[in-house]
Amino acid sequence: MIVTLTPNPSVDRTVTIAAFERGGIMRAFETREDPGGKGLNVSRALALHGTPTTAVLPVGGLYGRLMLDLLAPLEVEVRPVRIGAAIRANIAIVEPDGTTSKVNEQGPLLSPAELAELRATVRVASADAGWVVCCGSLPPEVPDDFYAELVRNCRADGLKVAVDSSGAPLIAALAAHPDLIKPNRVELAEAVGRELPTVGAVVTAAQELVAQGVGAVVISLGRDGALLVDADQVIQATAHVTHPVSTVGAGDSLLAGYLHAISTGADGATALRTAVAFGAAAVALPGSEMPGPEQVAAASVRFVEPDPDRPLDD
């Protein structure tokens, strides 16, 4: 069982247009709505591959009701925490080549009682879990150490914990020594406080965090695939996507693939290969749709020797 926590979920509305024109009037030729938020995306992907998962999230307002309607048909156990304010709605604008522009709302204010209920629900839901996954941004005014406290509590209960966040919440969580973090290059750079222009710089930064007590670091690198760095190894895997459609949720799918494999006893290399296959398959799908077994099986993944001097795209 893998429990995901999404403290700042959203209803994701994806609009596909022919070309983005700043200040212009553009006609959408496709729209879709999906349950959004990193943790929900992870749970959705896990469920499609038969990995038991429970999603914990706050719900409130019109979009909270829509969120539950969107989640109802999925094979995901949902533990909603009712809140007084409305959850957010995000908009993604996608062009035919897969270029994605996003507008994300900040999210609702949560009361101290609602935050306490969120923590308590995670603890109850994870009674039989192997992993707890803390995902995404925090709602306004939630303390930066929210994830750090959860990591400490979960590890004290004998659970493994992954964190996929950014900025101050991720930095605070590092001191609690999570078993896994899944930053992209920009998020990793924020965590170590310097630019990471090359593969070698990314590897060095990840090794520093492992030396400080993080169990493993999986870094998503877009078209350069992903890196796994832990105390024993540095591995890179890539996959070519012939027809990219949307990058929304691809990193979440990658994390789901890694957890799907590692939770069933796979070694690090196998887990990374699975992760990259999940991520590549997600890029070939519209909106934040998560890939199923057939799409993942079709992804062609290869391991490459990390080139420390290779520059990385923005």
Foldseek 3Di string as FASTA:
>chain_A
DEEEEFAQKAWEKEFEFADDDVPDDTDGPDIDIATGFLRVLLQQQLQLAPHAYEYEYEAEDPRSVVNCVRCVVGPYHYDYQYFHDHHYYKYWYAHQQADIDIDTDQTDDGDPVSLVVSLVVQVVVCPPPQEYEYGEDHHPPDDLCSLLVSLLVQVVVVHAYEYEYAASNVLNNLLSQHQEYEEEQVRLCNNQVHHQFFLLSSQVSQVVSQVSRHAWYWYQQVQQAIWIDGPPDIWGKGWDQPGFTHQVQLSSQLVSQLCSQVVVPHDPVVSSQSSRLQSSLQRNDHDNDGDHPVSSVPIDMDIDDGDGGHTGDD
